[in-house]
Amino acid sequence: MLEDGVARVDAFRVVQSHAGRALVELHLHEGRQRIVRRLMAAVGHPVGRLVRLQVGPIRLGDMRPGSVRPLNQSEVMSLLTLVD
């Protein structure tokens, strides 16, 4: 429970863990402000570094923060399928 309501993680996986630190992978279906940082802090594990790998069906690959690129046809179709 967060201050702005219930938050739920769709999937969670510990990728690596050592010396009081862990690399985790979270799958969420919503994007409230700073939700990953707030969720992790709520369970006693503050976030030191956050990397977004994917937004919906769109994998970000090696894109740098703040950069943009056009979507390819299959990415557009996958988004349209999500919204029906």
Protein backbone atom coordinates (compact mmCIF):
# COMPACT_ATOMS: atom_id res chain seq x y z
CA MET A 1 0.00 0.00 0.00
CA LEU A 2 1.40 3.37 -1.05
CA GLU A 3 0.15 6.80 -0.03
CA ASP A 4 -1.79 7.11 -3.31
CA GLY A 5 -3.36 3.65 -3.18
CA VAL A 6 -2.66 -0.01 -3.72
CA ALA A 7 0.25 -0.85 -6.02
CA ARG A 8 0.90 -4.29 -7.40
CA VAL A 9 3.89 -5.82 -9.17
CA ASP A 10 2.96 -8.20 -11.99
CA ALA A 11 6.28 -10.07 -11.82
CA PHE A 12 9.41 -9.83 -9.69
CA ARG A 13 12.75 -11.60 -10.08
CA VAL A 14 16.07 -11.28 -8.25
CA VAL A 15 18.69 -11.36 -11.01
CA GLN A 16 21.77 -11.01 -8.78
CA SER A 17 22.41 -10.54 -5.09
CA HIS A 18 25.59 -9.95 -3.10
CA ALA A 19 26.95 -7.88 -0.21
CA GLY A 20 23.66 -6.24 0.79
CA ARG A 21 22.85 -5.25 -2.81
CA ALA A 22 20.56 -6.83 -5.37
CA LEU A 23 19.70 -6.49 -9.02
CA VAL A 24 15.98 -7.07 -9.45
CA GLU A 25 13.62 -7.10 -12.40
CA LEU A 26 10.08 -5.77 -11.96
CA HIS A 27 7.14 -5.96 -14.36
CA LEU A 28 4.41 -3.38 -13.75
CA HIS A 29 1.19 -2.61 -15.57
CA GLU A 30 0.92 1.00 -14.40
CA GLY A 31 3.26 3.96 -14.37
CA ARG A 32 2.46 6.18 -11.42
CA GLN A 33 5.08 8.75 -10.52
CA ARG A 34 8.25 7.15 -9.10
CA ILE A 35 6.31 3.94 -8.42
CA VAL A 36 9.31 1.60 -8.55
CA ARG A 37 11.31 3.69 -6.09
CA ARG A 38 8.29 4.04 -3.77
CA LEU A 39 7.43 0.33 -3.93
CA MET A 40 10.97 -0.76 -3.14
CA ALA A 41 11.32 1.78 -0.31
CA ALA A 42 8.02 0.56 1.16
CA VAL A 43 9.45 -2.95 1.53
CA GLY A 44 12.76 -1.71 2.96
CA HIS A 45 14.92 -1.83 -0.18
CA PRO A 46 15.68 1.68 -1.46
CA VAL A 47 16.69 1.97 -5.12
CA GLY A 48 20.21 3.15 -5.90
CA ARG A 49 19.97 2.97 -9.69
CA LEU A 50 16.96 2.44 -11.92
CA VAL A 51 17.09 1.32 -15.55
CA ARG A 52 14.00 0.99 -17.73
CA LEU A 53 14.38 -1.82 -20.26
CA GLN A 54 10.99 -1.87 -21.90
CA VAL A 55 7.78 0.13 -22.16
CA GLY A 56 4.86 -2.14 -22.96
CA PRO A 57 5.94 -4.28 -25.91
CA ILE A 58 8.65 -1.80 -26.94
CA ARG A 59 12.18 -2.85 -25.93
CA LEU A 60 14.45 0.16 -25.42
CA GLY A 61 17.74 -1.59 -26.18
CA ASP A 62 20.70 0.77 -25.95
CA MET A 63 18.73 4.03 -26.19
CA ARG A 64 20.15 6.79 -24.03
CA PRO A 65 17.92 8.74 -21.61
CA GLY A 66 16.12 11.57 -23.41
CA SER A 67 16.64 10.11 -26.88
CA VAL A 68 13.81 9.28 -29.27
CA ARG A 69 13.38 7.07 -32.30
CA PRO A 70 10.56 6.26 -34.70
CA LEU A 71 8.64 3.06 -34.01
CA ASN A 72 8.86 0.33 -36.62
CA GLN A 73 5.73 -1.21 -38.14
CA SER A 74 5.69 -4.25 -35.82
CA GLU A 75 6.01 -2.02 -32.74
CA VAL A 76 3.08 0.13 -33.91
CA MET A 77 1.00 -2.99 -34.55
CA SER A 78 1.82 -4.44 -31.11
CA LEU A 79 0.71 -1.19 -29.45
CA LEU A 80 -2.50 -1.11 -31.49
CA THR A 81 -3.20 -4.71 -30.48
CA LEU A 82 -2.84 -3.77 -26.80
CA VAL A 83 -5.44 -1.02 -27.05
CA ASP A 84 -7.68 -3.07 -29.36
